[in-house]
């Protein structure tokens, strides 16, 4: 029986994680599809640019990645201390970049003084901060972007990714180096 994701991620033990996300329905993430006689190599750039964009917003750093024809691997470093050091204003600005139509987007656009937030809004701000160092939120934004863009291009609907991503904690330096090679 597989281990629940919440039991696989423990930032107290390690901040490094190996993640794999795989396509469904014989979809191509990149590479040459002989059946359709199409080359999808340009999609790699979609993935790389989105990863870089998200890494600039989240407190998550990309250590390494590999993009294959129907899946990709990524090694992430979660920098929780960085997220906890951000001011409330930085958290709101970052969340507003991810979700402009959210409450944080409104606060940011209107220039709300964050010291005037009520207790429920303060709790929401804490939640935003914790989600800015959450790998699931990072992967959600990354995979959703690629899936929507590829489905639109392929003129189809439905799943592009095979369920949720797979994750493995990298517990020591040798595991980290082995995974990255």
Foldseek 3Di string as FASTA:
>chain_A
DDDDPVVQDDVVQFQKKKKKWFWPPPAWQAAADPVVRDGRPVSVVVLVVLLVVLVVLAQKDWPAKDHDGTMIMTMIGQDLVVLVPDDLLSLLVSVCVLPCPDPSVVCNVVVPDVVPDDPVVVVVSVVSSVLSRDVQNSVVSSLVVSQVVSCVVVVHDDGTIDPDMDMHGQRDDVSVVVVRD
